[in-house]
Each structure stands twice: as C-alpha cells, then as structure tokens.
Amino acid sequence: MQSDTQKIKTFIEEELEIFGGPLYMPENEDEISTERPFVSSEITDLNEFREKIMHCQNCPLGSSRTNFVFGTGNPDADLMFVGEAPGESEDLEGIPFVGRAGKLLDDILKAIDLKREDVYIANVLKCRPPNNRDPNKEEIEQCEPYLLKQIELIKPKLLVALGRISATTLLRSKDSLTAMRGRIFDYHGTDMLVTYHPAALLRNPNWKRPAWDDFKKIRELYRQKKGMSS
C-alpha cells in the first residue's frame, strides 16, 4: 500500500505529465545559446558518430553517468522514438528504454506489428540527470545537436516524442501533452507526433486507452509514409 507521501508524489507526477509544469523553456529562439557542440558534417556513419561522442564531457552529466546512452535499433529506421533522458536502468545498461517502461514500449510496438529492431530509439539527453530530474538548459543545448545528427544519419520518415518533457523540449513549446497529442509537428523537416511516455502509462493505466489511440495514428501515418496499405 502506498504511503500518503507516495500518493501525493504520484498525483503530482500525473498532473505534470498531462497539464505541464515548470521546465526550462526559452521565451523565444534568441534565448537559445549558439555555443553548441560542433558536429562534423563529414561523419556519415552512425557507429562512427557514437565513437566520436561517447566520451562527451560538455556538461556536468558526463562526470556523473555510468554509461553514455547513445541509442538503439535499426540505423535505417523509418520510425524513430525520442524520450527525454536515460533513467537508472538505462544508465546502468547503456541502452534506452529498458526495464518495465521498455518492456511496455516493446509490447506496444508488437501491437502495431513492429519490433524494437524495426525502429530507432533515443533520448534528447545521452546521460542520466541526477535523481531522474528534468533536463536543464545547459544539458539540452549541449545534447540536442547530437540528436539532430542522429536524425540526419538515420533519416526517419516519422518521429515520435515520448512524453511531455521530450515534446516540449524539442518543440520549444509550453503546451500540455493533451494539447499536443493528435497533431503533426515539424521537427527540423521531419514530421513528429507526440504521445505518453511508457513510464507514465505504468503510473496511470487509465492513459493506456488514449495512448493506444495515439499509436494507431502512428501506425497509420507510418504506413502511409512507407507506401503500405492500412
């Protein structure tokens, strides 16, 4: 049985997931620092890119991580999922979306006739923030160029942001998850949809039905882009 403190914590997490809350977000694009890591345009291979950046120390997370969590899946995937940052299990294993949340994501993929090997999975941040806190301004500025390079190399036809923080960070938006779901966004030239983070579905099973609606839309758009029949 949950303690009163745990119940309050769970309630707050669920409210933030849907309705938003404090998060670094610049008022306009001019506030975003231009002092970002240089990513060579000469790198054309995903494994080569991983080797180039896996020892990154551009922000304090480099010294606190156990493993650099680059990404996993098909390097030529047409569908790419992006979370916010590695958690404890991901930090220990060096693979994104493992543990219970990863198992749930695998099950959802199976339900839309896909498996982990068909897609690519990454996070905005490649290192775990202490205590799984939200990414901050410096960390986003240093790590997002790495994600952009991954997208450039993989060339997915469709991106899916998993969770409010991933979506609001990438889109520079303060919208709630509710407001973003069901819409098609443009992220640097690639179409992107937004849905719940698997960890949120574990906290609140009532969100599994709307999440399934999102994944049916993801499947439909993915198949359209692949030229497949519905």
Protein backbone atom coordinates (compact mmCIF):
# COMPACT_ATOMS: atom_id res chain seq x y z
CA MET A 1 0.00 0.00 0.00
CA GLN A 2 1.30 3.43 -0.92
CA SER A 3 2.09 5.93 1.83
CA ASP A 4 0.34 9.31 1.79
CA THR A 5 3.60 10.90 0.65
CA GLN A 6 3.92 8.46 -2.24
CA LYS A 7 0.29 9.01 -3.23
CA ILE A 8 0.87 12.79 -3.34
CA LYS A 9 4.06 12.31 -5.39
CA THR A 10 2.26 10.04 -7.86
CA PHE A 11 -0.63 12.51 -8.21
CA ILE A 12 1.75 15.42 -8.90
CA GLU A 13 3.67 13.38 -11.49
CA GLU A 14 0.44 12.50 -13.28
CA GLU A 15 -0.78 16.11 -13.28
CA LEU A 16 2.53 17.34 -14.65
CA GLU A 17 2.51 14.69 -17.38
CA ILE A 18 -0.82 15.90 -18.72
CA PHE A 19 -1.03 19.58 -17.85
CA GLY A 20 2.59 20.64 -17.78
CA GLY A 21 4.64 22.39 -15.19
CA PRO A 22 7.96 24.10 -14.56
CA LEU A 23 10.50 23.33 -17.26
CA TYR A 24 13.30 25.22 -18.92
CA MET A 25 11.80 26.83 -21.97
CA PRO A 26 13.13 29.96 -23.65
CA GLU A 27 10.67 32.74 -24.33
CA ASN A 28 11.96 32.87 -27.89
CA GLU A 29 14.58 31.26 -30.08
CA ASP A 30 17.03 34.12 -29.44
CA GLU A 31 17.44 32.92 -25.86
CA ILE A 32 18.87 29.60 -27.01
CA SER A 33 22.63 29.62 -26.81
CA THR A 34 24.55 29.32 -30.06
CA GLU A 35 27.50 27.80 -28.19
CA ARG A 36 26.70 24.21 -29.06
CA PRO A 37 28.97 21.25 -29.73
CA PHE A 38 30.47 21.14 -33.19
CA VAL A 39 29.21 18.08 -35.06
CA SER A 40 31.20 17.40 -38.21
CA SER A 41 29.24 17.10 -41.43
CA GLU A 42 31.91 14.64 -42.58
CA ILE A 43 30.58 11.93 -40.25
CA THR A 44 28.28 9.72 -42.31
CA ASP A 45 28.05 6.56 -40.20
CA LEU A 46 26.02 6.12 -37.00
CA ASN A 47 28.61 3.88 -35.32
CA GLU A 48 31.37 6.33 -36.17
CA PHE A 49 29.30 9.13 -34.66
CA ARG A 50 28.75 7.13 -31.47
CA GLU A 51 32.50 6.58 -31.13
CA LYS A 52 33.11 10.31 -31.60
CA ILE A 53 30.77 11.47 -28.84
CA MET A 54 30.55 8.61 -26.32
CA HIS A 55 33.16 10.20 -24.03
CA CYS A 56 31.48 13.62 -24.09
CA GLN A 57 32.18 15.85 -21.08
CA ASN A 58 30.47 19.03 -22.36
CA CYS A 59 28.17 19.27 -19.32
CA PRO A 60 28.37 18.03 -15.70
CA LEU A 61 26.34 14.90 -16.51
CA GLY A 62 29.42 13.49 -18.21
CA SER A 63 31.13 13.03 -14.87
CA SER A 64 28.11 11.55 -13.06
CA ARG A 65 26.90 8.99 -15.62
CA THR A 66 27.60 5.28 -15.50
CA ASN A 67 27.09 4.82 -19.24
CA PHE A 68 26.62 7.09 -22.24
CA VAL A 69 23.22 6.08 -23.68
CA PHE A 70 23.51 6.72 -27.41
CA GLY A 71 20.51 4.91 -28.87
CA THR A 72 19.45 1.53 -30.19
CA GLY A 73 17.66 -0.06 -33.11
CA ASN A 74 17.69 -0.01 -36.89
CA PRO A 75 20.15 2.60 -38.24
CA ASP A 76 17.96 2.91 -41.34
CA ALA A 77 14.64 3.07 -39.47
CA ASP A 78 11.70 4.97 -40.93
CA LEU A 79 10.22 5.40 -37.44
CA MET A 80 12.19 6.92 -34.56
CA PHE A 81 11.14 7.38 -30.93
CA VAL A 82 12.65 10.08 -28.72
CA GLY A 83 12.40 10.18 -24.93
CA GLU A 84 13.71 12.84 -22.58
CA ALA A 85 16.71 11.24 -20.87
CA PRO A 86 18.04 7.93 -19.58
CA GLY A 87 16.76 6.65 -16.24
CA GLU A 88 18.54 4.50 -13.70
CA SER A 89 18.21 1.21 -15.64
CA GLU A 90 19.26 2.88 -18.89
CA ASP A 91 22.28 4.46 -17.20
CA LEU A 92 23.36 1.06 -15.87
CA GLU A 93 22.87 -0.82 -19.14
CA GLY A 94 23.73 1.89 -21.67
CA ILE A 95 20.54 1.17 -23.65
CA PRO A 96 17.46 3.43 -23.84
CA PHE A 97 14.08 2.23 -22.65
CA VAL A 98 14.87 -0.90 -20.69
CA GLY A 99 13.18 -2.13 -17.51
CA ARG A 100 9.41 -2.02 -17.12
CA ALA A 101 8.91 1.04 -19.33
CA GLY A 102 11.00 -0.51 -22.08
CA LYS A 103 9.08 -3.78 -21.87
CA LEU A 104 5.81 -1.87 -22.21
CA LEU A 105 7.14 0.01 -25.24
CA ASP A 106 8.14 -3.32 -26.80
CA ASP A 107 4.63 -4.66 -26.19
CA ILE A 108 3.04 -1.57 -27.77
CA LEU A 109 5.30 -1.88 -30.80
CA LYS A 110 4.30 -5.51 -31.16
CA ALA A 111 0.63 -4.46 -31.10
CA ILE A 112 1.25 -2.26 -34.17
CA ASP A 113 3.19 -5.04 -35.92
CA LEU A 114 6.66 -3.72 -35.20
CA LYS A 115 9.57 -4.71 -33.01
CA ARG A 116 12.47 -2.83 -31.49
CA GLU A 117 14.76 -3.92 -34.32
CA ASP A 118 12.46 -2.18 -36.85
CA VAL A 119 12.64 1.27 -35.24
CA TYR A 120 15.26 3.50 -33.65
CA ILE A 121 15.01 4.65 -30.03
CA ALA A 122 16.97 7.50 -28.46
CA ASN A 123 16.68 10.31 -25.93
CA VAL A 124 17.24 14.06 -26.06
CA LEU A 125 19.94 13.64 -23.39
CA LYS A 126 22.51 10.87 -23.59
CA CYS A 127 23.34 10.87 -19.88
CA ARG A 128 21.11 10.43 -16.84
CA PRO A 129 20.28 13.58 -14.83
CA PRO A 130 20.68 13.02 -11.07
CA ASN A 131 17.56 11.51 -9.48
CA ASN A 132 15.89 11.49 -12.91
CA ARG A 133 15.18 15.21 -12.71
CA ASP A 134 14.07 17.12 -15.83
CA PRO A 135 16.77 18.18 -18.31
CA ASN A 136 18.06 21.71 -17.78
CA LYS A 137 19.02 24.44 -20.24
CA GLU A 138 22.74 23.66 -20.44
CA GLU A 139 22.17 19.93 -20.90
CA ILE A 140 19.64 20.47 -23.69
CA GLU A 141 21.90 22.92 -25.51
CA GLN A 142 24.83 20.52 -25.37
CA CYS A 143 22.96 17.32 -26.25
CA GLU A 144 20.27 18.27 -28.77
CA PRO A 145 22.82 18.70 -31.60
CA TYR A 146 23.73 15.05 -31.08
CA LEU A 147 20.10 14.06 -31.53
CA LEU A 148 19.85 16.19 -34.67
CA LYS A 149 22.91 14.43 -36.10
CA GLN A 150 21.37 11.04 -35.31
CA ILE A 151 18.21 12.05 -37.16
CA GLU A 152 20.30 13.31 -40.08
CA LEU A 153 22.10 9.95 -40.33
CA ILE A 154 19.07 7.72 -39.76
CA LYS A 155 16.70 9.77 -41.94
CA PRO A 156 13.45 8.58 -40.34
CA LYS A 157 10.20 9.37 -42.10
CA LEU A 158 8.40 9.88 -38.77
CA LEU A 159 9.46 10.92 -35.26
CA VAL A 160 7.51 10.21 -32.08
CA ALA A 161 8.20 12.21 -28.92
CA LEU A 162 7.52 10.06 -25.86
CA GLY A 163 6.24 12.20 -23.01
CA ARG A 164 5.52 15.85 -22.39
CA ILE A 165 9.07 16.83 -21.49
CA SER A 166 10.56 15.32 -24.63
CA ALA A 167 7.91 17.03 -26.76
CA THR A 168 8.07 20.47 -25.13
CA THR A 169 11.87 20.41 -25.19
CA LEU A 170 12.09 19.55 -28.88
CA LEU A 171 9.29 21.87 -29.96
CA ARG A 172 10.23 24.77 -27.66
CA SER A 173 6.63 24.72 -26.51
CA LYS A 174 4.81 25.20 -23.23
CA ASP A 175 1.72 23.30 -24.37
CA SER A 176 0.31 20.46 -22.32
CA LEU A 177 0.55 16.88 -23.51
CA THR A 178 -3.20 16.95 -24.05
CA ALA A 179 -2.84 19.90 -26.45
CA MET A 180 -0.02 18.25 -28.40
CA ARG A 181 -1.46 14.77 -28.84
CA GLY A 182 -3.02 14.03 -32.23
CA ARG A 183 -1.21 16.85 -34.05
CA ILE A 184 1.58 16.53 -36.62
CA PHE A 185 4.54 18.81 -35.90
CA ASP A 186 7.62 19.62 -37.93
CA TYR A 187 10.93 18.98 -36.21
CA HIS A 188 13.73 20.25 -38.44
CA GLY A 189 11.99 18.93 -41.54
CA THR A 190 10.70 15.63 -40.14
CA ASP A 191 7.07 15.01 -39.15
CA MET A 192 6.64 14.33 -35.44
CA LEU A 193 3.78 13.04 -33.29
CA VAL A 194 3.53 13.21 -29.51
CA THR A 195 2.27 10.57 -27.08
CA TYR A 196 2.64 9.41 -23.50
CA HIS A 197 5.90 8.15 -22.06
CA PRO A 198 5.62 4.43 -21.22
CA ALA A 199 6.58 5.18 -17.62
CA ALA A 200 3.53 7.45 -17.36
CA LEU A 201 1.30 4.58 -18.53
CA LEU A 202 2.72 2.41 -15.77
CA ARG A 203 1.86 5.09 -13.21
CA ASN A 204 -1.65 5.58 -14.56
CA PRO A 205 -3.17 2.66 -16.54
CA ASN A 206 -6.16 4.89 -17.41
CA TRP A 207 -3.92 6.56 -20.01
CA LYS A 208 -3.36 3.29 -21.88
CA ARG A 209 -6.53 3.69 -23.95
CA PRO A 210 -5.71 7.20 -25.25
CA ALA A 211 -2.11 6.05 -25.77
CA TRP A 212 -3.43 3.22 -27.93
CA ASP A 213 -5.37 5.78 -29.98
CA ASP A 214 -2.08 7.64 -30.49
CA PHE A 215 -0.26 4.51 -31.58
CA LYS A 216 -2.97 3.63 -34.07
CA LYS A 217 -2.41 7.08 -35.60
CA ILE A 218 1.35 6.47 -35.51
CA ARG A 219 0.84 3.14 -37.32
CA GLU A 220 -1.43 4.75 -39.91
CA LEU A 221 0.95 7.63 -40.68
CA TYR A 222 3.98 5.33 -40.67
CA ARG A 223 2.33 3.01 -43.19
CA GLN A 224 1.32 5.94 -45.37
CA LYS A 225 4.91 7.17 -45.45
CA LYS A 226 6.11 3.66 -46.28
CA GLY A 227 3.57 3.37 -49.08
CA MET A 228 1.88 0.45 -47.31
CA SER A 229 -1.84 -0.28 -47.26
CA SER A 230 -3.64 0.36 -43.94
